[in-house]
Amino acid sequence: MALAPAVLGLEFAARAARDEHIRAALTAMRRAQREATAPSIAEVTERTGVSPTIGRRKSADHPR
């Protein structure tokens, strides 16, 4: 049975909380992913005028 990506992410997070080596590896991977995707996200934002809503706080004028 395959695990859903969210479940797998939680498993990695739980292991990283307990294991310094896993935490260091996952931190490096997340940084590399952010660095690799940042230019693409910036380009799409510039072309479309739309930016990602993930991680933004909910506000009265921008309900989710």
Protein backbone atom coordinates (compact mmCIF):
# COMPACT_ATOMS: atom_id res chain seq x y z
CA MET A 1 0.00 0.00 0.00
CA ALA A 2 1.41 3.39 -1.01
CA LEU A 3 1.44 6.24 1.49
CA ALA A 4 -0.14 9.55 0.59
CA PRO A 5 2.41 12.40 0.25
CA ALA A 6 1.03 14.16 3.33
CA VAL A 7 1.41 11.02 5.45
CA LEU A 8 4.93 10.52 4.16
CA GLY A 9 5.76 14.15 4.97
CA LEU A 10 4.50 13.67 8.52
CA GLU A 11 6.63 10.54 8.87
CA PHE A 12 9.73 12.44 7.78
CA ALA A 13 8.88 15.29 10.17
CA ALA A 14 8.45 12.87 13.06
CA ARG A 15 11.79 11.21 12.32
CA ALA A 16 13.53 14.57 11.96
CA ALA A 17 12.22 15.59 15.38
CA ARG A 18 14.03 12.60 16.89
CA ASP A 19 17.14 12.27 14.73
CA GLU A 20 19.71 15.05 14.24
CA HIS A 21 21.16 13.51 11.05
CA ILE A 22 17.76 13.19 9.39
CA ARG A 23 16.90 16.74 10.46
CA ALA A 24 20.11 18.07 8.88
CA ALA A 25 19.48 16.16 5.65
CA LEU A 26 15.86 17.29 5.38
CA THR A 27 16.80 20.89 6.12
CA ALA A 28 19.37 20.84 3.31
CA MET A 29 16.82 19.28 0.94
CA ARG A 30 14.15 21.87 1.78
CA ARG A 31 16.61 24.73 1.24
CA ALA A 32 17.67 23.30 -2.12
CA GLN A 33 14.04 22.90 -3.17
CA ARG A 34 13.24 26.51 -2.23
CA GLU A 35 16.30 27.79 -4.10
CA ALA A 36 15.39 25.74 -7.18
CA THR A 37 11.74 26.82 -7.28
CA ALA A 38 12.11 30.50 -6.33
CA PRO A 39 13.02 31.71 -9.85
CA SER A 40 10.06 29.86 -11.40
CA ILE A 41 7.63 31.21 -8.82
CA ALA A 42 8.98 34.74 -9.34
CA GLU A 43 8.60 34.40 -13.12
CA VAL A 44 5.00 33.16 -12.88
CA THR A 45 4.17 35.90 -10.40
CA GLU A 46 5.63 38.54 -12.71
CA ARG A 47 3.83 37.19 -15.80
CA THR A 48 0.43 36.67 -14.22
CA GLY A 49 0.35 39.11 -11.33
CA VAL A 50 -0.81 36.26 -9.11
CA SER A 51 1.27 35.02 -6.20
CA PRO A 52 1.01 31.84 -4.14
CA THR A 53 -1.31 32.01 -1.14
CA ILE A 54 0.39 29.20 0.77
CA GLY A 55 1.85 30.45 3.99
CA ARG A 56 -0.03 33.74 3.96
CA ARG A 57 -2.02 34.76 6.95
CA LYS A 58 -5.77 34.99 6.65
CA SER A 59 -7.03 38.56 6.58
CA ALA A 60 -10.44 40.20 6.51
CA ASP A 61 -9.97 41.45 2.94
CA HIS A 62 -8.50 38.16 1.66
CA PRO A 63 -10.63 35.28 2.98
CA ARG A 64 -9.75 31.73 2.08
